């Protein structure tokens, strides 16, 4: 494997990891907000 190909693969892997973690956090926060809203609507 050439150095350029390995570098591109390494950068792509790091970017994919960061993007995946960001999306996971977005889903978790939205789920938490939705849960809080349903609790608020049910208690009032």
Protein backbone atom coordinates (compact mmCIF):
# COMPACT_ATOMS: atom_id res chain seq x y z
CA UNK A 1 0.00 0.00 0.00
CA UNK A 2 1.44 3.37 -0.96
CA UNK A 3 1.97 6.11 1.57
CA UNK A 4 -0.64 8.37 -0.02
CA UNK A 5 -3.27 5.64 -0.01
CA UNK A 6 -2.53 4.77 3.60
CA UNK A 7 -2.70 8.44 4.61
CA UNK A 8 -6.05 8.87 2.86
CA UNK A 9 -7.37 5.71 4.51
CA UNK A 10 -6.15 6.90 7.93
CA UNK A 11 -7.73 10.34 7.54
CA UNK A 12 -10.97 8.79 6.26
CA UNK A 13 -11.11 6.40 9.18
CA UNK A 14 -10.60 9.20 11.71
CA UNK A 15 -13.24 11.34 9.96
CA UNK A 16 -15.72 8.46 9.91
CA UNK A 17 -15.15 7.83 13.60
CA UNK A 18 -15.69 11.50 14.48
CA UNK A 19 -18.79 11.70 12.30
CA UNK A 20 -20.20 8.52 13.82
CA UNK A 21 -19.68 9.75 17.36
CA UNK A 22 -21.27 13.08 16.48
CA UNK A 23 -24.34 11.42 14.99
CA UNK A 24 -24.63 9.10 17.99
CA UNK A 25 -24.57 12.11 20.34
CA UNK A 26 -27.18 13.91 18.22
CA UNK A 27 -29.52 10.92 18.39
CA UNK A 28 -28.97 10.56 22.16
CA UNK A 29 -29.70 14.24 22.82
CA UNK A 30 -32.82 14.22 20.66
CA UNK A 31 -34.04 11.08 22.42
CA UNK A 32 -33.44 12.71 25.81
CA UNK A 33 -35.29 15.89 24.79
CA UNK A 34 -38.21 13.84 23.47
CA UNK A 35 -38.33 11.83 26.73
CA UNK A 36 -38.29 15.02 28.82
CA UNK A 37 -41.10 16.55 26.78
CA UNK A 38 -43.32 13.49 27.14
CA UNK A 39 -42.71 13.45 30.91
CA UNK A 40 -43.56 17.14 31.13
CA UNK A 41 -46.76 16.71 29.10
CA UNK A 42 -47.84 13.71 31.16
CA UNK A 43 -47.26 15.28 34.56
CA UNK A 44 -49.24 18.49 33.93
